[in-house]
Each structure stands twice: as structure tokens, then as C-alpha cells.
């Protein structure tokens, strides 16, 4: 890499570390090109990105960001996965790591909070923003549905009673 490319890479990573909801750092030694492409496409579908990180440049890019505490994670062959949604990158990484033992999640960061591998795992089990929004809408709609059911119940019960009397008179 030339100096200008390195400078551009550092600037780009610095913006990533500042703007991302969460960043996951993983070792990828032994992952084949096909597996890495599959992992990248899964992350892209979820709205995230995967980049192979040059450790020295990543540590430079971390300077001045909230995530500066995770600089110790950049040792060996590392990659970073990141997304605006704090839960997406950990979910996709942990799902891929289940099926591929060569990808080892070593930690990450969510804002100023530095996460170890267990922290990333627990973050991956949380529902995503879309799931939380759907649950919230469901919770808001449920009371309205119940009120409508309760309001219409007496009228339907009255109709059933009248129908029962009408059928009883016809039978007699």
C-alpha cells in the first residue's frame, strides 16, 4: 500500500469506528475465499460490512474515537464487521461462526463500551431494531383490538340469545 492509500484507509476506518452502532473484531485464519465471500454477502444483505483490517492502521484509526479501548484486539489476522444497527453485525458474525469454526470472534465495541467475545455473543442474542419496532407496534395495537372485541361482545351475545329464542319458537 502506498502512503496515500494508507492515509485514506485510516480516515475511512476512523469514520467507521465513529459512526457504527457496533464493531466486531474476529480472527479469520483458515477461512477460504469462498467462505469469506459468503460471509461478506450475508453481512451485506443484513446491512453491514466486513473488512480485513491491517492491525497497525486500525490502531491508528481508533485514536480519538470512543472505541479506542479495543486496540488490544488487533493482533494476528483480523477482520472487522460493522453496521449502523448495534445488533446486526454481532448476529451475523455469531451465526457464521457457528457453521465455520475458523472464524473466531474475539471481541468488539459498541460505542465506548469494549466487548469481549461473551459480550458480542450476548449482544447477538438481543432482538434487532426492526424486531423491537414490530413488538412495540404489536403491543400498541393489542389494547385497541381488545377494546373493539369487548365493545362488540355484548351486541353479539344479545344477537345469539335472540337467535336461540327464535329457533326455540320455530321448533315448538
C-alpha atoms as a PDB file:
ATOM      1  CA  UNK A   1       0.000   0.000   0.000  1.00  0.00           C
ATOM      2  CA  UNK A   2       1.223   3.467  -0.773  1.00  0.00           C
ATOM      3  CA  UNK A   3       1.195   6.252   1.758  1.00  0.00           C
ATOM      4  CA  UNK A   4      -1.852   7.971   0.248  1.00  0.00           C
ATOM      5  CA  UNK A   5      -3.797   4.689   0.249  1.00  0.00           C
ATOM      6  CA  UNK A   6      -2.850   4.107   3.885  1.00  0.00           C
ATOM      7  CA  UNK A   7      -3.962   7.610   4.837  1.00  0.00           C
ATOM      8  CA  UNK A   8      -7.276   7.094   3.032  1.00  0.00           C
ATOM      9  CA  UNK A   9      -7.759   3.682   4.694  1.00  0.00           C
ATOM     10  CA  UNK A  10      -7.110   5.165   8.158  1.00  0.00           C
ATOM     11  CA  UNK A  11      -9.527   8.037   7.525  1.00  0.00           C
ATOM     12  CA  UNK A  12     -12.211   5.648   6.299  1.00  0.00           C
ATOM     13  CA  UNK A  13     -11.767   3.312   9.286  1.00  0.00           C
ATOM     14  CA  UNK A  14     -11.838   6.263  11.673  1.00  0.00           C
ATOM     15  CA  UNK A  15     -15.247   7.276  10.273  1.00  0.00           C
ATOM     16  CA  UNK A  16     -16.439   3.668  10.591  1.00  0.00           C
ATOM     17  CA  UNK A  17     -15.396   3.500  14.245  1.00  0.00           C
ATOM     18  CA  UNK A  18     -17.144   6.822  14.969  1.00  0.00           C
ATOM     19  CA  UNK A  19     -20.395   6.137  13.094  1.00  0.00           C
ATOM     20  CA  UNK A  20     -21.075   2.415  13.544  1.00  0.00           C
ATOM     21  CA  UNK A  21     -23.536   1.100  16.090  1.00  0.00           C
ATOM     22  CA  UNK A  22     -21.217  -1.804  16.821  1.00  0.00           C
ATOM     23  CA  UNK A  23     -17.930  -3.194  15.548  1.00  0.00           C
ATOM     24  CA  UNK A  24     -16.952  -6.864  15.829  1.00  0.00           C
ATOM     25  CA  UNK A  25     -13.329  -7.986  15.611  1.00  0.00           C
ATOM     26  CA  UNK A  26     -12.613 -11.589  14.605  1.00  0.00           C
ATOM     27  CA  UNK A  27      -9.722 -13.817  13.568  1.00  0.00           C
ATOM     28  CA  UNK A  28     -10.183 -15.425  10.177  1.00  0.00           C
ATOM     29  CA  UNK A  29      -7.103 -17.638   9.759  1.00  0.00           C
ATOM     30  CA  UNK A  30      -8.025 -20.675   7.661  1.00  0.00           C
ATOM     31  CA  UNK A  31     -11.231 -19.245   6.175  1.00  0.00           C
ATOM     32  CA  UNK A  32     -11.337 -19.942   2.438  1.00  0.00           C
ATOM     33  CA  UNK A  33     -12.046 -17.276  -0.144  1.00  0.00           C
ATOM     34  CA  UNK A  34     -15.450 -18.828  -0.922  1.00  0.00           C
ATOM     35  CA  UNK A  35     -16.385 -18.850   2.772  1.00  0.00           C
ATOM     36  CA  UNK A  36     -15.230 -15.245   3.170  1.00  0.00           C
ATOM     37  CA  UNK A  37     -17.303 -14.195   0.143  1.00  0.00           C
ATOM     38  CA  UNK A  38     -20.342 -15.983   1.605  1.00  0.00           C
ATOM     39  CA  UNK A  39     -19.772 -14.213   4.927  1.00  0.00           C
ATOM     40  CA  UNK A  40     -19.446 -10.828   3.222  1.00  0.00           C
ATOM     41  CA  UNK A  41     -22.633 -11.355   1.226  1.00  0.00           C
ATOM     42  CA  UNK A  42     -24.580 -12.372   4.361  1.00  0.00           C
ATOM     43  CA  UNK A  43     -23.347  -9.255   6.124  1.00  0.00           C
ATOM     44  CA  UNK A  44     -24.174  -7.075   3.112  1.00  0.00           C
ATOM     45  CA  UNK A  45     -27.725  -8.491   2.981  1.00  0.00           C
ATOM     46  CA  UNK A  46     -28.146  -7.593   6.649  1.00  0.00           C
ATOM     47  CA  UNK A  47     -26.928  -4.039   6.016  1.00  0.00           C
ATOM     48  CA  UNK A  48     -23.397  -4.396   7.386  1.00  0.00           C
ATOM     49  CA  UNK A  49     -19.863  -4.542   6.039  1.00  0.00           C
ATOM     50  CA  UNK A  50     -16.852  -6.808   6.542  1.00  0.00           C
ATOM     51  CA  UNK A  51     -13.289  -5.571   6.032  1.00  0.00           C
ATOM     52  CA  UNK A  52      -9.940  -7.203   6.531  1.00  0.00           C
ATOM     53  CA  UNK A  53      -8.094  -4.920   8.922  1.00  0.00           C
ATOM     54  CA  UNK A  54      -4.426  -4.064   8.818  1.00  0.00           C
ATOM     55  CA  UNK A  55      -3.728  -4.075  12.539  1.00  0.00           C
ATOM     56  CA  UNK A  56      -1.312  -1.162  12.674  1.00  0.00           C
ATOM     57  CA  UNK A  57      -3.579   1.032  10.545  1.00  0.00           C
ATOM     58  CA  UNK A  58      -6.670   0.014  12.528  1.00  0.00           C
ATOM     59  CA  UNK A  59      -4.977   1.015  15.781  1.00  0.00           C
ATOM     60  CA  UNK A  60      -4.122   4.394  14.278  1.00  0.00           C
ATOM     61  CA  UNK A  61      -7.718   4.795  13.078  1.00  0.00           C
ATOM     62  CA  UNK A  62      -9.025   4.034  16.578  1.00  0.00           C
ATOM     63  CA  UNK A  63      -7.220   7.017  18.080  1.00  0.00           C
ATOM     64  CA  UNK A  64      -9.637   9.752  19.056  1.00  0.00           C
ATOM     65  CA  UNK A  65     -12.757   7.573  18.866  1.00  0.00           C
ATOM     66  CA  UNK A  66     -14.978   6.200  21.629  1.00  0.00           C
ATOM     67  CA  UNK A  67     -13.882   2.668  20.726  1.00  0.00           C
ATOM     68  CA  UNK A  68     -10.205   3.375  21.382  1.00  0.00           C
ATOM     69  CA  UNK A  69     -10.115   0.751  24.151  1.00  0.00           C
ATOM     70  CA  UNK A  70     -10.412  -2.140  21.710  1.00  0.00           C
ATOM     71  CA  UNK A  71      -6.980  -1.509  20.155  1.00  0.00           C
ATOM     72  CA  UNK A  72      -5.624  -4.563  22.014  1.00  0.00           C
ATOM     73  CA  UNK A  73      -7.869  -6.853  19.939  1.00  0.00           C
ATOM     74  CA  UNK A  74      -5.943  -6.172  16.737  1.00  0.00           C
ATOM     75  CA  UNK A  75      -3.376  -8.979  16.796  1.00  0.00           C
ATOM     76  CA  UNK A  76      -2.996 -11.682  14.166  1.00  0.00           C
ATOM     77  CA  UNK A  77      -5.197 -11.995  11.090  1.00  0.00           C
ATOM     78  CA  UNK A  78      -8.159  -9.816  11.986  1.00  0.00           C
ATOM     79  CA  UNK A  79     -11.244  -8.590  10.240  1.00  0.00           C
ATOM     80  CA  UNK A  80     -13.858  -6.121  11.349  1.00  0.00           C
ATOM     81  CA  UNK A  81     -17.590  -6.361  10.821  1.00  0.00           C
ATOM     82  CA  UNK A  82     -19.725  -3.313  11.433  1.00  0.00           C
ATOM     83  CA  UNK A  83     -23.224  -1.965  10.945  1.00  0.00           C
ATOM     84  CA  UNK A  84     -25.341   1.019  11.991  1.00  0.00           C
ATOM     85  CA  UNK A  85     -27.701  -1.305  13.875  1.00  0.00           C
ATOM     86  CA  UNK A  86     -25.810  -2.367  17.031  1.00  0.00           C
ATOM     87  CA  UNK A  87     -27.170  -5.926  16.924  1.00  0.00           C
ATOM     88  CA  UNK A  88     -26.821  -6.847  13.230  1.00  0.00           C
ATOM     89  CA  UNK A  89     -23.036  -7.282  12.954  1.00  0.00           C
ATOM     90  CA  UNK A  90     -22.755  -9.451  16.103  1.00  0.00           C
ATOM     91  CA  UNK A  91     -25.721 -11.594  14.979  1.00  0.00           C
ATOM     92  CA  UNK A  92     -24.340 -12.283  11.512  1.00  0.00           C
ATOM     93  CA  UNK A  93     -20.830 -12.931  12.879  1.00  0.00           C
ATOM     94  CA  UNK A  94     -22.030 -15.354  15.541  1.00  0.00           C
ATOM     95  CA  UNK A  95     -24.311 -17.166  13.069  1.00  0.00           C
ATOM     96  CA  UNK A  96     -21.435 -17.565  10.618  1.00  0.00           C
ATOM     97  CA  UNK A  97     -19.019 -18.629  13.384  1.00  0.00           C
ATOM     98  CA  UNK A  98     -21.423 -21.425  14.413  1.00  0.00           C
ATOM     99  CA  UNK A  99     -21.101 -23.025  10.997  1.00  0.00           C
ATOM    100  CA  UNK A 100     -17.426 -22.212  10.483  1.00  0.00           C
ATOM    101  CA  UNK A 101     -15.005 -22.841  13.341  1.00  0.00           C
ATOM    102  CA  UNK A 102     -12.199 -20.968  11.528  1.00  0.00           C
ATOM    103  CA  UNK A 103     -13.883 -17.605  12.181  1.00  0.00           C
ATOM    104  CA  UNK A 104     -13.220 -16.787  15.840  1.00  0.00           C
ATOM    105  CA  UNK A 105     -14.914 -13.726  17.320  1.00  0.00           C
ATOM    106  CA  UNK A 106     -12.501 -12.141  19.788  1.00  0.00           C
ATOM    107  CA  UNK A 107     -14.384  -9.006  20.795  1.00  0.00           C
ATOM    108  CA  UNK A 108     -15.641  -5.677  19.623  1.00  0.00           C
ATOM    109  CA  UNK A 109     -17.103  -2.390  20.689  1.00  0.00           C
ATOM    110  CA  UNK A 110     -20.476  -0.718  20.923  1.00  0.00           C
ATOM    111  CA  UNK A 111     -19.879   2.983  21.304  1.00  0.00           C
ATOM    112  CA  UNK A 112     -17.481   3.493  24.213  1.00  0.00           C
ATOM    113  CA  UNK A 113     -18.150   0.000  25.586  1.00  0.00           C
ATOM    114  CA  UNK A 114     -15.459  -2.520  24.712  1.00  0.00           C
ATOM    115  CA  UNK A 115     -16.851  -6.045  24.434  1.00  0.00           C
ATOM    116  CA  UNK A 116     -15.149  -9.389  24.851  1.00  0.00           C
ATOM    117  CA  UNK A 117     -16.282 -12.498  22.942  1.00  0.00           C
ATOM    118  CA  UNK A 118     -19.032 -13.213  25.506  1.00  0.00           C
ATOM    119  CA  UNK A 119     -20.259  -9.621  25.244  1.00  0.00           C
ATOM    120  CA  UNK A 120     -20.561  -9.956  21.482  1.00  0.00           C
ATOM    121  CA  UNK A 121     -22.399 -13.268  21.969  1.00  0.00           C
ATOM    122  CA  UNK A 122     -24.902 -11.712  24.363  1.00  0.00           C
ATOM    123  CA  UNK A 123     -25.377  -8.739  22.030  1.00  0.00           C
ATOM    124  CA  UNK A 124     -26.113 -11.193  19.198  1.00  0.00           C
ATOM    125  CA  UNK A 125     -28.979 -12.741  21.188  1.00  0.00           C
ATOM    126  CA  UNK A 126     -30.785  -9.418  21.537  1.00  0.00           C
ATOM    127  CA  UNK A 127     -33.589  -8.563  19.099  1.00  0.00           C
ATOM    128  CA  UNK A 128     -32.736  -6.159  16.274  1.00  0.00           C
ATOM    129  CA  UNK A 129     -34.226  -2.677  15.973  1.00  0.00           C
ATOM    130  CA  UNK A 130     -36.772  -3.897  13.412  1.00  0.00           C
ATOM    131  CA  UNK A 131     -37.884  -6.723  15.716  1.00  0.00           C
ATOM    132  CA  UNK A 132     -38.225  -4.295  18.630  1.00  0.00           C
ATOM    133  CA  UNK A 133     -40.274  -1.905  16.496  1.00  0.00           C
ATOM    134  CA  UNK A 134     -42.579  -4.748  15.430  1.00  0.00           C
ATOM    135  CA  UNK A 135     -43.071  -5.804  19.059  1.00  0.00           C
ATOM    136  CA  UNK A 136     -43.815  -2.219  20.065  1.00  0.00           C
ATOM    137  CA  UNK A 137     -46.409  -1.809  17.310  1.00  0.00           C
ATOM    138  CA  UNK A 138     -47.965  -5.132  18.327  1.00  0.00           C
ATOM    139  CA  UNK A 139     -48.154  -4.015  21.947  1.00  0.00           C
ATOM    140  CA  UNK A 140     -49.789  -0.738  20.918  1.00  0.00           C
ATOM    141  CA  UNK A 141     -52.327  -2.488  18.673  1.00  0.00           C
ATOM    142  CA  UNK A 142     -53.279  -5.198  21.167  1.00  0.00           C
ATOM    143  CA  UNK A 143     -55.230  -2.949  23.585  1.00  0.00           C
ATOM    144  CA  UNK A 144     -57.201  -1.418  20.705  1.00  0.00           C
ATOM    145  CA  UNK A 145     -58.110  -4.886  19.447  1.00  0.00           C
ATOM    146  CA  UNK A 146     -59.217  -5.951  22.909  1.00  0.00           C
ATOM    147  CA  UNK A 147     -61.355  -2.833  23.331  1.00  0.00           C
ATOM    148  CA  UNK A 148     -63.048  -3.478  19.992  1.00  0.00           C
ATOM    149  CA  UNK A 149     -63.687  -7.111  20.978  1.00  0.00           C
ATOM    150  CA  UNK A 150     -65.136  -6.130  24.345  1.00  0.00           C
ATOM    151  CA  UNK A 151     -67.313  -3.416  22.809  1.00  0.00           C
ATOM    152  CA  UNK A 152     -68.745  -5.771  20.212  1.00  0.00           C
ATOM    153  CA  UNK A 153     -69.157  -8.726  22.606  1.00  0.00           C
ATOM    154  CA  UNK A 154     -72.411  -7.613  24.303  1.00  0.00           C
ATOM    155  CA  UNK A 155     -74.084  -6.981  20.948  1.00  0.00           C
ATOM    156  CA  UNK A 156     -73.062 -10.384  19.627  1.00  0.00           C
ATOM    157  CA  UNK A 157     -74.207 -12.085  22.835  1.00  0.00           C
ATOM    158  CA  UNK A 158     -77.587 -10.351  22.570  1.00  0.00           C
ATOM    159  CA  UNK A 159     -77.894 -11.486  18.946  1.00  0.00           C
ATOM    160  CA  UNK A 160     -77.126 -15.093  19.973  1.00  0.00           C
ATOM    161  CA  UNK A 161     -79.763 -15.032  22.722  1.00  0.00           C
ATOM    162  CA  UNK A 162     -82.391 -13.635  20.325  1.00  0.00           C
ATOM    163  CA  UNK A 163     -81.406 -16.259  17.732  1.00  0.00           C
ATOM    164  CA  UNK A 164     -81.722 -19.004  20.338  1.00  0.00           C
ATOM    165  CA  UNK A 165     -85.233 -17.826  21.296  1.00  0.00           C
ATOM    166  CA  UNK A 166     -86.234 -17.597  17.625  1.00  0.00           C
ATOM    167  CA  UNK A 167     -85.027 -21.147  16.932  1.00  0.00           C
ATOM    168  CA  UNK A 168     -86.777 -22.393  20.074  1.00  0.00           C
ATOM    169  CA  UNK A 169     -90.097 -20.852  18.995  1.00  0.00           C
ATOM    170  CA  UNK A 170     -89.757 -22.328  15.476  1.00  0.00           C
ATOM    171  CA  UNK A 171     -89.072 -25.776  16.903  1.00  0.00           C
ATOM    172  CA  UNK A 172     -92.154 -25.599  19.138  1.00  0.00           C
END
